[in-house]
Amino acid sequence: MPAVAGRSESSQPPATGGPSAAPPEPAAPPIDVARLRVAIARLSRRLRKHELAGLTPTKLSALATVWQAGPVRLGDLAAAERIAPSTLTRLVSALEESGYVERCAVPGDARASTVSITPRGRDVLERIKRESTVLLNASLLTLTEDQLAALATALPALEQLAEAIPGEPADR
């Protein structure tokens, strides 16, 4: 396991150099966590830039959640997005005015409603995914073969990091 800044590689004492001791494995290079965080943040920002007016990252995230979750109650959407219900109400109203989502009453519960994505909302998300994929693909063309191989090797670890952050509830 690679060393992380501020954390030791192992809690076991180093092996003594007796005749039966195996040669020590070369230490993995330490990971500069600050550089990794900055690189991920910059790449994420670049991939979120798009030409669709009115879709902030928060609106885009909520729209993607509605798409993934299907018709979803407003309270559940607020919890998934980790935003206050009053903020979510304004956000959903803006998405509704843009034609990206629609609200539907919940049968049997006059106070509750669900939000579902419209065909226009799906089209916008598909377009953003295509644009982001094209941008990332063009960026990958600037890397060397060794860098591409390193990135391919790191992909499972990056996917695992993206799934959950210790101390936070799992994302949708």
N, C-alpha and C. Protein backbone atom coordinates (compact mmCIF):
# COMPACT_ATOMS: atom_id res chain seq x y z
N MET A 1 0.86 -1.19 0.00
CA MET A 1 0.00 0.00 0.00
C MET A 1 0.89 1.23 0.00
N PRO A 2 0.68 2.19 -0.88
CA PRO A 2 1.53 3.37 -0.92
C PRO A 2 1.38 4.20 0.35
N ALA A 3 2.46 4.87 0.68
CA ALA A 3 2.43 5.73 1.86
C ALA A 3 1.65 6.99 1.55
N VAL A 4 0.93 7.45 2.53
CA VAL A 4 0.19 8.69 2.42
C VAL A 4 0.83 9.65 3.40
N ALA A 5 0.98 10.90 2.99
CA ALA A 5 1.63 11.88 3.85
C ALA A 5 1.00 11.85 5.24
N GLY A 6 1.84 11.76 6.25
CA GLY A 6 1.37 11.79 7.62
C GLY A 6 0.93 10.44 8.15
N ARG A 7 1.12 9.36 7.39
CA ARG A 7 0.72 8.04 7.84
C ARG A 7 1.85 7.07 7.53
N SER A 8 2.20 6.24 8.50
CA SER A 8 3.30 5.31 8.27
C SER A 8 2.84 4.18 7.38
N GLU A 9 3.77 3.57 6.71
CA GLU A 9 3.50 2.48 5.77
C GLU A 9 2.98 1.25 6.49
N SER A 10 3.54 0.94 7.65
CA SER A 10 3.17 -0.28 8.34
C SER A 10 3.35 -0.08 9.83
N SER A 11 2.57 -0.82 10.62
CA SER A 11 2.72 -0.72 12.05
C SER A 11 3.65 -1.79 12.57
N GLN A 12 4.16 -2.67 11.70
CA GLN A 12 5.07 -3.71 12.12
C GLN A 12 6.49 -3.20 12.08
N PRO A 13 7.33 -3.70 13.00
CA PRO A 13 8.73 -3.28 12.98
C PRO A 13 9.41 -3.81 11.73
N PRO A 14 10.47 -3.13 11.27
CA PRO A 14 11.17 -3.61 10.08
C PRO A 14 11.80 -4.96 10.35
N ALA A 15 11.88 -5.79 9.31
CA ALA A 15 12.49 -7.12 9.44
C ALA A 15 13.97 -6.98 9.71
N THR A 16 14.46 -7.88 10.58
CA THR A 16 15.90 -7.86 10.84
C THR A 16 16.59 -8.61 9.73
N GLY A 17 17.76 -8.25 9.44
CA GLY A 17 18.48 -8.80 8.29
C GLY A 17 19.14 -10.11 8.56
N GLY A 18 18.42 -11.15 8.92
CA GLY A 18 18.99 -12.48 9.12
C GLY A 18 19.11 -13.21 7.81
N PRO A 19 19.73 -14.40 7.82
CA PRO A 19 19.92 -15.15 6.58
C PRO A 19 18.61 -15.59 5.94
N SER A 20 17.54 -15.78 6.70
CA SER A 20 16.29 -16.24 6.09
C SER A 20 15.34 -15.09 5.78
N ALA A 21 15.75 -13.88 6.08
CA ALA A 21 14.87 -12.73 5.84
C ALA A 21 14.77 -12.45 4.34
N ALA A 22 13.52 -12.22 3.89
CA ALA A 22 13.31 -11.88 2.48
C ALA A 22 13.78 -10.46 2.25
N PRO A 23 14.26 -10.19 1.04
CA PRO A 23 14.70 -8.81 0.76
C PRO A 23 13.50 -7.87 0.85
N PRO A 24 13.70 -6.70 1.40
CA PRO A 24 12.58 -5.78 1.54
C PRO A 24 12.06 -5.33 0.17
N GLU A 25 10.75 -5.17 0.10
CA GLU A 25 10.14 -4.67 -1.13
C GLU A 25 10.45 -3.19 -1.25
N PRO A 26 10.65 -2.71 -2.48
CA PRO A 26 10.88 -1.27 -2.62
C PRO A 26 9.65 -0.51 -2.15
N ALA A 27 9.87 0.58 -1.44
CA ALA A 27 8.76 1.38 -0.92
C ALA A 27 8.06 2.09 -2.07
N ALA A 28 6.74 2.10 -2.01
CA ALA A 28 5.96 2.83 -3.01
C ALA A 28 6.16 4.32 -2.75
N PRO A 29 6.14 5.10 -3.81
CA PRO A 29 6.32 6.55 -3.60
C PRO A 29 5.17 7.10 -2.78
N PRO A 30 5.46 8.05 -1.89
CA PRO A 30 4.36 8.64 -1.12
C PRO A 30 3.45 9.45 -2.04
N ILE A 31 2.19 9.53 -1.67
CA ILE A 31 1.22 10.29 -2.46
C ILE A 31 1.11 11.68 -1.87
N ASP A 32 1.29 12.67 -2.70
CA ASP A 32 1.13 14.06 -2.27
C ASP A 32 -0.37 14.35 -2.33
N VAL A 33 -1.03 14.20 -1.19
CA VAL A 33 -2.49 14.31 -1.13
C VAL A 33 -2.96 15.69 -1.57
N ALA A 34 -2.24 16.73 -1.22
CA ALA A 34 -2.64 18.08 -1.63
C ALA A 34 -2.61 18.22 -3.15
N ARG A 35 -1.57 17.70 -3.79
CA ARG A 35 -1.50 17.76 -5.26
C ARG A 35 -2.62 16.95 -5.89
N LEU A 36 -2.90 15.78 -5.32
CA LEU A 36 -3.98 14.95 -5.85
C LEU A 36 -5.31 15.68 -5.75
N ARG A 37 -5.58 16.30 -4.61
CA ARG A 37 -6.83 17.04 -4.42
C ARG A 37 -6.96 18.17 -5.42
N VAL A 38 -5.89 18.93 -5.62
CA VAL A 38 -5.92 20.05 -6.56
C VAL A 38 -6.13 19.55 -7.98
N ALA A 39 -5.44 18.47 -8.36
CA ALA A 39 -5.58 17.93 -9.71
C ALA A 39 -7.00 17.44 -9.97
N ILE A 40 -7.58 16.75 -9.00
CA ILE A 40 -8.94 16.25 -9.16
C ILE A 40 -9.92 17.42 -9.24
N ALA A 41 -9.74 18.41 -8.39
CA ALA A 41 -10.64 19.58 -8.39
C ALA A 41 -10.56 20.32 -9.72
N ARG A 42 -9.35 20.55 -10.22
CA ARG A 42 -9.20 21.26 -11.50
C ARG A 42 -9.81 20.48 -12.65
N LEU A 43 -9.56 19.18 -12.68
CA LEU A 43 -10.13 18.36 -13.75
C LEU A 43 -11.65 18.36 -13.66
N SER A 44 -12.18 18.24 -12.46
CA SER A 44 -13.63 18.27 -12.27
C SER A 44 -14.22 19.58 -12.76
N ARG A 45 -13.57 20.69 -12.41
CA ARG A 45 -14.06 22.01 -12.86
C ARG A 45 -14.06 22.10 -14.38
N ARG A 46 -12.98 21.63 -15.01
CA ARG A 46 -12.90 21.68 -16.48
C ARG A 46 -14.01 20.86 -17.12
N LEU A 47 -14.32 19.71 -16.53
CA LEU A 47 -15.34 18.84 -17.10
C LEU A 47 -16.74 19.36 -16.85
N ARG A 48 -16.91 20.21 -15.83
CA ARG A 48 -18.23 20.78 -15.53
C ARG A 48 -18.53 22.01 -16.35
N LYS A 49 -17.54 22.59 -16.99
CA LYS A 49 -17.79 23.79 -17.80
C LYS A 49 -18.51 23.36 -19.07
N HIS A 50 -19.62 23.98 -19.33
CA HIS A 50 -20.39 23.69 -20.52
C HIS A 50 -21.14 24.94 -20.93
N GLU A 51 -21.70 24.91 -22.08
CA GLU A 51 -22.34 26.09 -22.65
C GLU A 51 -23.83 26.16 -22.38
N LEU A 52 -24.33 25.40 -21.43
CA LEU A 52 -25.76 25.41 -21.18
C LEU A 52 -26.09 26.42 -20.09
N ALA A 53 -26.67 27.53 -20.49
CA ALA A 53 -26.99 28.61 -19.56
C ALA A 53 -27.98 28.13 -18.51
N GLY A 54 -27.77 28.59 -17.30
CA GLY A 54 -28.71 28.32 -16.23
C GLY A 54 -28.49 27.02 -15.48
N LEU A 55 -27.52 26.22 -15.86
CA LEU A 55 -27.27 24.98 -15.13
C LEU A 55 -25.99 25.13 -14.30
N THR A 56 -26.16 25.53 -13.06
CA THR A 56 -25.04 25.60 -12.14
C THR A 56 -24.65 24.17 -11.75
N PRO A 57 -23.48 23.98 -11.16
CA PRO A 57 -23.13 22.63 -10.70
C PRO A 57 -24.17 22.03 -9.75
N THR A 58 -24.78 22.85 -8.90
CA THR A 58 -25.80 22.35 -7.98
C THR A 58 -27.04 21.89 -8.73
N LYS A 59 -27.48 22.68 -9.71
CA LYS A 59 -28.64 22.29 -10.51
C LYS A 59 -28.34 21.03 -11.32
N LEU A 60 -27.14 20.99 -11.88
CA LEU A 60 -26.74 19.83 -12.67
C LEU A 60 -26.72 18.57 -11.81
N SER A 61 -26.20 18.68 -10.60
CA SER A 61 -26.17 17.53 -9.69
C SER A 61 -27.57 17.07 -9.34
N ALA A 62 -28.47 18.00 -9.03
CA ALA A 62 -29.84 17.64 -8.69
C ALA A 62 -30.54 16.99 -9.88
N LEU A 63 -30.33 17.54 -11.07
CA LEU A 63 -30.95 16.98 -12.27
C LEU A 63 -30.45 15.56 -12.51
N ALA A 64 -29.16 15.34 -12.34
CA ALA A 64 -28.59 14.00 -12.52
C ALA A 64 -29.15 13.02 -11.48
N THR A 65 -29.35 13.50 -10.26
CA THR A 65 -29.93 12.65 -9.22
C THR A 65 -31.36 12.27 -9.56
N VAL A 66 -32.13 13.22 -10.05
CA VAL A 66 -33.51 12.93 -10.45
C VAL A 66 -33.51 11.89 -11.57
N TRP A 67 -32.58 12.02 -12.50
CA TRP A 67 -32.49 11.06 -13.60
C TRP A 67 -32.15 9.67 -13.08
N GLN A 68 -31.17 9.60 -12.20
CA GLN A 68 -30.72 8.30 -11.67
C GLN A 68 -31.76 7.66 -10.76
N ALA A 69 -32.42 8.46 -9.94
CA ALA A 69 -33.35 7.94 -8.93
C ALA A 69 -34.75 7.72 -9.47
N GLY A 70 -35.03 8.26 -10.64
CA GLY A 70 -36.39 8.18 -11.16
C GLY A 70 -37.25 9.19 -10.43
N PRO A 71 -38.56 9.08 -10.53
CA PRO A 71 -39.38 10.02 -9.76
C PRO A 71 -38.97 9.94 -8.29
N VAL A 72 -38.66 11.10 -7.71
CA VAL A 72 -38.14 11.15 -6.35
C VAL A 72 -38.88 12.22 -5.56
N ARG A 73 -39.18 11.92 -4.30
CA ARG A 73 -39.82 12.91 -3.43
C ARG A 73 -38.84 14.04 -3.16
N LEU A 74 -39.38 15.24 -2.97
CA LEU A 74 -38.54 16.41 -2.74
C LEU A 74 -37.64 16.24 -1.51
N GLY A 75 -38.19 15.69 -0.43
CA GLY A 75 -37.39 15.47 0.78
C GLY A 75 -36.24 14.52 0.54
N ASP A 76 -36.49 13.47 -0.23
CA ASP A 76 -35.43 12.51 -0.54
C ASP A 76 -34.37 13.14 -1.43
N LEU A 77 -34.80 14.00 -2.34
CA LEU A 77 -33.85 14.69 -3.21
C LEU A 77 -32.99 15.65 -2.39
N ALA A 78 -33.61 16.37 -1.46
CA ALA A 78 -32.85 17.29 -0.59
C ALA A 78 -31.81 16.51 0.21
N ALA A 79 -32.20 15.35 0.73
CA ALA A 79 -31.27 14.52 1.51
C ALA A 79 -30.14 14.01 0.63
N ALA A 80 -30.47 13.56 -0.57
CA ALA A 80 -29.44 13.04 -1.48
C ALA A 80 -28.45 14.12 -1.89
N GLU A 81 -28.94 15.33 -2.08
CA GLU A 81 -28.08 16.43 -2.50
C GLU A 81 -27.45 17.16 -1.32
N ARG A 82 -27.87 16.79 -0.11
CA ARG A 82 -27.36 17.41 1.12
C ARG A 82 -27.58 18.92 1.13
N ILE A 83 -28.81 19.32 0.78
CA ILE A 83 -29.16 20.74 0.82
C ILE A 83 -30.48 20.90 1.58
N ALA A 84 -30.69 22.10 2.08
CA ALA A 84 -31.90 22.39 2.86
C ALA A 84 -33.13 22.30 1.96
N PRO A 85 -34.24 21.84 2.51
CA PRO A 85 -35.47 21.75 1.71
C PRO A 85 -35.86 23.08 1.06
N SER A 86 -35.68 24.20 1.76
CA SER A 86 -36.06 25.49 1.16
C SER A 86 -35.17 25.81 -0.05
N THR A 87 -33.90 25.47 0.04
CA THR A 87 -32.99 25.67 -1.09
C THR A 87 -33.40 24.76 -2.24
N LEU A 88 -33.75 23.53 -1.91
CA LEU A 88 -34.15 22.57 -2.94
C LEU A 88 -35.41 23.04 -3.64
N THR A 89 -36.34 23.60 -2.91
CA THR A 89 -37.59 24.08 -3.52
C THR A 89 -37.29 25.12 -4.59
N ARG A 90 -36.40 26.07 -4.28
CA ARG A 90 -36.02 27.09 -5.27
C ARG A 90 -35.30 26.44 -6.46
N LEU A 91 -34.43 25.49 -6.17
CA LEU A 91 -33.66 24.83 -7.22
C LEU A 91 -34.60 24.05 -8.16
N VAL A 92 -35.53 23.30 -7.59
CA VAL A 92 -36.47 22.52 -8.40
C VAL A 92 -37.37 23.46 -9.21
N SER A 93 -37.77 24.57 -8.61
CA SER A 93 -38.59 25.54 -9.34
C SER A 93 -37.84 26.06 -10.57
N ALA A 94 -36.55 26.35 -10.41
CA ALA A 94 -35.73 26.83 -11.53
C ALA A 94 -35.60 25.74 -12.60
N LEU A 95 -35.39 24.49 -12.19
CA LEU A 95 -35.29 23.39 -13.15
C LEU A 95 -36.62 23.17 -13.87
N GLU A 96 -37.70 23.36 -13.13
CA GLU A 96 -39.03 23.21 -13.71
C GLU A 96 -39.29 24.32 -14.74
N GLU A 97 -38.93 25.55 -14.40
CA GLU A 97 -39.11 26.68 -15.33
C GLU A 97 -38.30 26.48 -16.60
N SER A 98 -37.15 25.82 -16.49
CA SER A 98 -36.32 25.55 -17.67
C SER A 98 -36.84 24.37 -18.48
N GLY A 99 -37.81 23.65 -17.93
CA GLY A 99 -38.37 22.51 -18.65
C GLY A 99 -37.58 21.23 -18.46
N TYR A 100 -36.71 21.18 -17.44
CA TYR A 100 -35.86 20.00 -17.23
C TYR A 100 -36.49 18.95 -16.33
N VAL A 101 -37.39 19.38 -15.43
CA VAL A 101 -38.08 18.45 -14.53
C VAL A 101 -39.55 18.83 -14.46
N GLU A 102 -40.35 17.89 -13.95
CA GLU A 102 -41.76 18.20 -13.68
C GLU A 102 -42.13 17.59 -12.34
N ARG A 103 -43.01 18.30 -11.64
CA ARG A 103 -43.50 17.82 -10.35
C ARG A 103 -44.83 17.10 -10.58
N CYS A 104 -45.02 16.06 -9.79
CA CYS A 104 -46.28 15.31 -9.83
C CYS A 104 -46.75 15.08 -8.41
N ALA A 105 -48.05 15.22 -8.18
CA ALA A 105 -48.62 14.97 -6.86
C ALA A 105 -48.52 13.48 -6.53
N VAL A 106 -48.33 13.20 -5.26
CA VAL A 106 -48.30 11.81 -4.80
C VAL A 106 -49.73 11.42 -4.45
N PRO A 107 -50.28 10.40 -5.11
CA PRO A 107 -51.66 10.00 -4.81
C PRO A 107 -51.80 9.63 -3.32
N GLY A 108 -52.82 10.17 -2.70
CA GLY A 108 -53.08 9.86 -1.30
C GLY A 108 -52.35 10.74 -0.30
N ASP A 109 -51.48 11.63 -0.79
CA ASP A 109 -50.74 12.54 0.11
C ASP A 109 -50.72 13.92 -0.54
N ALA A 110 -51.68 14.74 -0.17
CA ALA A 110 -51.84 16.05 -0.81
C ALA A 110 -50.64 16.97 -0.58
N ARG A 111 -49.86 16.73 0.48
CA ARG A 111 -48.71 17.61 0.77
C ARG A 111 -47.45 17.20 0.03
N ALA A 112 -47.40 15.99 -0.49
CA ALA A 112 -46.18 15.46 -1.08
C ALA A 112 -46.22 15.52 -2.60
N SER A 113 -45.04 15.67 -3.17
CA SER A 113 -44.93 15.59 -4.63
C SER A 113 -43.60 14.94 -4.98
N THR A 114 -43.56 14.42 -6.18
CA THR A 114 -42.31 13.84 -6.69
C THR A 114 -41.83 14.70 -7.85
N VAL A 115 -40.57 14.54 -8.15
CA VAL A 115 -39.96 15.24 -9.28
C VAL A 115 -39.43 14.18 -10.23
N SER A 116 -39.70 14.37 -11.51
CA SER A 116 -39.15 13.46 -12.51
C SER A 116 -38.54 14.28 -13.64
N ILE A 117 -37.64 13.66 -14.34
CA ILE A 117 -36.93 14.35 -15.43
C ILE A 117 -37.81 14.35 -16.68
N THR A 118 -37.71 15.40 -17.44
CA THR A 118 -38.45 15.51 -18.70
C THR A 118 -37.54 15.07 -19.85
N PRO A 119 -38.10 14.84 -21.02
CA PRO A 119 -37.24 14.52 -22.17
C PRO A 119 -36.19 15.61 -22.41
N ARG A 120 -36.58 16.87 -22.23
CA ARG A 120 -35.61 17.97 -22.40
C ARG A 120 -34.48 17.84 -21.38
N GLY A 121 -34.80 17.50 -20.14
CA GLY A 121 -33.78 17.31 -19.11
C GLY A 121 -32.83 16.18 -19.46
N ARG A 122 -33.39 15.07 -19.97
CA ARG A 122 -32.54 13.94 -20.39
C ARG A 122 -31.62 14.36 -21.54
N ASP A 123 -32.17 15.11 -22.49
CA ASP A 123 -31.37 15.57 -23.62
C ASP A 123 -30.20 16.44 -23.16
N VAL A 124 -30.46 17.33 -22.21
CA VAL A 124 -29.42 18.21 -21.70
C VAL A 124 -28.33 17.39 -21.01
N LEU A 125 -28.73 16.42 -20.18
CA LEU A 125 -27.73 15.60 -19.49
C LEU A 125 -26.91 14.77 -20.48
N GLU A 126 -27.56 14.23 -21.49
CA GLU A 126 -26.83 13.45 -22.51
C GLU A 126 -25.83 14.35 -23.24
N ARG A 127 -26.24 15.55 -23.56
CA ARG A 127 -25.34 16.49 -24.25
C ARG A 127 -24.14 16.83 -23.37
N ILE A 128 -24.37 17.06 -22.10
CA ILE A 128 -23.27 17.38 -21.18
C ILE A 128 -22.32 16.19 -21.07
N LYS A 129 -22.86 14.98 -20.97
CA LYS A 129 -22.01 13.79 -20.91
C LYS A 129 -21.16 13.67 -22.17
N ARG A 130 -21.77 13.90 -23.33
CA ARG A 130 -21.01 13.82 -24.59
C ARG A 130 -19.91 14.86 -24.62
N GLU A 131 -20.25 16.12 -24.27
CA GLU A 131 -19.26 17.20 -24.29
C GLU A 131 -18.11 16.92 -23.33
N SER A 132 -18.43 16.43 -22.14
CA SER A 132 -17.41 16.13 -21.14
C SER A 132 -16.51 14.98 -21.61
N THR A 133 -17.11 13.98 -22.24
CA THR A 133 -16.33 12.85 -22.74
C THR A 133 -15.39 13.29 -23.84
N VAL A 134 -15.86 14.13 -24.75
CA VAL A 134 -15.02 14.64 -25.83
C VAL A 134 -13.86 15.46 -25.25
N LEU A 135 -14.16 16.32 -24.28
CA LEU A 135 -13.12 17.14 -23.66
C LEU A 135 -12.08 16.27 -22.95
N LEU A 136 -12.53 15.28 -22.20
CA LEU A 136 -11.59 14.41 -21.49
C LEU A 136 -10.77 13.60 -22.48
N ASN A 137 -11.40 13.10 -23.53
CA ASN A 137 -10.67 12.34 -24.54
C ASN A 137 -9.58 13.21 -25.18
N ALA A 138 -9.90 14.45 -25.51
CA ALA A 138 -8.91 15.35 -26.10
C ALA A 138 -7.77 15.61 -25.11
N SER A 139 -8.09 15.73 -23.84
CA SER A 139 -7.05 15.94 -22.83
C SER A 139 -6.15 14.72 -22.72
N LEU A 140 -6.72 13.54 -22.81
CA LEU A 140 -5.91 12.31 -22.71
C LEU A 140 -4.90 12.21 -23.85
N LEU A 141 -5.23 12.80 -25.00
CA LEU A 141 -4.32 12.76 -26.14
C LEU A 141 -3.02 13.52 -25.89
N THR A 142 -3.00 14.36 -24.86
CA THR A 142 -1.79 15.12 -24.53
C THR A 142 -0.83 14.33 -23.65
N LEU A 143 -1.25 13.16 -23.17
CA LEU A 143 -0.42 12.36 -22.27
C LEU A 143 0.48 11.41 -23.04
N THR A 144 1.58 11.05 -22.41
CA THR A 144 2.48 10.06 -23.00
C THR A 144 1.89 8.66 -22.80
N GLU A 145 2.47 7.67 -23.48
CA GLU A 145 1.99 6.29 -23.31
C GLU A 145 2.18 5.83 -21.87
N ASP A 146 3.31 6.21 -21.25
CA ASP A 146 3.55 5.83 -19.86
C ASP A 146 2.52 6.47 -18.93
N GLN A 147 2.17 7.73 -19.18
CA GLN A 147 1.18 8.40 -18.35
C GLN A 147 -0.20 7.76 -18.52
N LEU A 148 -0.55 7.40 -19.76
CA LEU A 148 -1.83 6.72 -20.01
C LEU A 148 -1.87 5.37 -19.31
N ALA A 149 -0.75 4.63 -19.34
CA ALA A 149 -0.68 3.34 -18.65
C ALA A 149 -0.83 3.52 -17.14
N ALA A 150 -0.19 4.55 -16.60
CA ALA A 150 -0.30 4.82 -15.16
C ALA A 150 -1.73 5.18 -14.79
N LEU A 151 -2.37 5.97 -15.64
CA LEU A 151 -3.76 6.36 -15.39
C LEU A 151 -4.68 5.14 -15.46
N ALA A 152 -4.46 4.27 -16.44
CA ALA A 152 -5.26 3.05 -16.56
C ALA A 152 -5.08 2.17 -15.32
N THR A 153 -3.87 2.09 -14.82
CA THR A 153 -3.60 1.30 -13.62
C THR A 153 -4.27 1.93 -12.40
N ALA A 154 -4.30 3.26 -12.34
CA ALA A 154 -4.87 3.98 -11.19
C ALA A 154 -6.39 4.05 -11.23
N LEU A 155 -7.01 3.75 -12.37
CA LEU A 155 -8.46 3.91 -12.52
C LEU A 155 -9.27 3.18 -11.45
N PRO A 156 -9.00 1.90 -11.13
CA PRO A 156 -9.79 1.25 -10.07
C PRO A 156 -9.66 1.97 -8.72
N ALA A 157 -8.49 2.46 -8.40
CA ALA A 157 -8.31 3.19 -7.14
C ALA A 157 -9.08 4.50 -7.16
N LEU A 158 -9.06 5.20 -8.28
CA LEU A 158 -9.82 6.45 -8.40
C LEU A 158 -11.32 6.19 -8.29
N GLU A 159 -11.79 5.10 -8.90
CA GLU A 159 -13.20 4.75 -8.79
C GLU A 159 -13.58 4.47 -7.34
N GLN A 160 -12.71 3.77 -6.62
CA GLN A 160 -12.98 3.47 -5.22
C GLN A 160 -13.01 4.76 -4.39
N LEU A 161 -12.08 5.67 -4.66
CA LEU A 161 -12.08 6.96 -3.96
C LEU A 161 -13.35 7.74 -4.24
N ALA A 162 -13.85 7.65 -5.48
CA ALA A 162 -15.05 8.39 -5.85
C ALA A 162 -16.30 7.83 -5.18
N GLU A 163 -16.28 6.56 -4.80
CA GLU A 163 -17.46 5.94 -4.22
C GLU A 163 -17.79 6.46 -2.84
N ALA A 164 -16.80 6.62 -1.99
CA ALA A 164 -17.11 7.04 -0.62
C ALA A 164 -15.91 7.73 0.00
N ILE A 165 -16.22 8.72 0.80
CA ILE A 165 -15.20 9.42 1.57
C ILE A 165 -15.45 9.07 3.03
N PRO A 166 -14.42 8.62 3.77
CA PRO A 166 -14.63 8.27 5.18
C PRO A 166 -15.31 9.40 5.94
N GLY A 167 -16.30 9.03 6.75
CA GLY A 167 -16.99 10.03 7.56
C GLY A 167 -18.17 10.68 6.88
N GLU A 168 -18.37 10.42 5.60
CA GLU A 168 -19.52 10.98 4.88
C GLU A 168 -20.44 9.85 4.47
N PRO A 169 -21.75 10.12 4.45
CA PRO A 169 -22.67 9.08 3.95
C PRO A 169 -22.38 8.80 2.49
N ALA A 170 -22.64 7.59 2.07
CA ALA A 170 -22.40 7.22 0.68
C ALA A 170 -23.27 8.05 -0.23
N ASP A 171 -22.69 8.47 -1.36
CA ASP A 171 -23.44 9.25 -2.34
C ASP A 171 -24.42 8.33 -3.04
N ARG A 172 -25.43 8.93 -3.61
CA ARG A 172 -26.48 8.23 -4.33
C ARG A 172 -25.95 7.01 -4.97
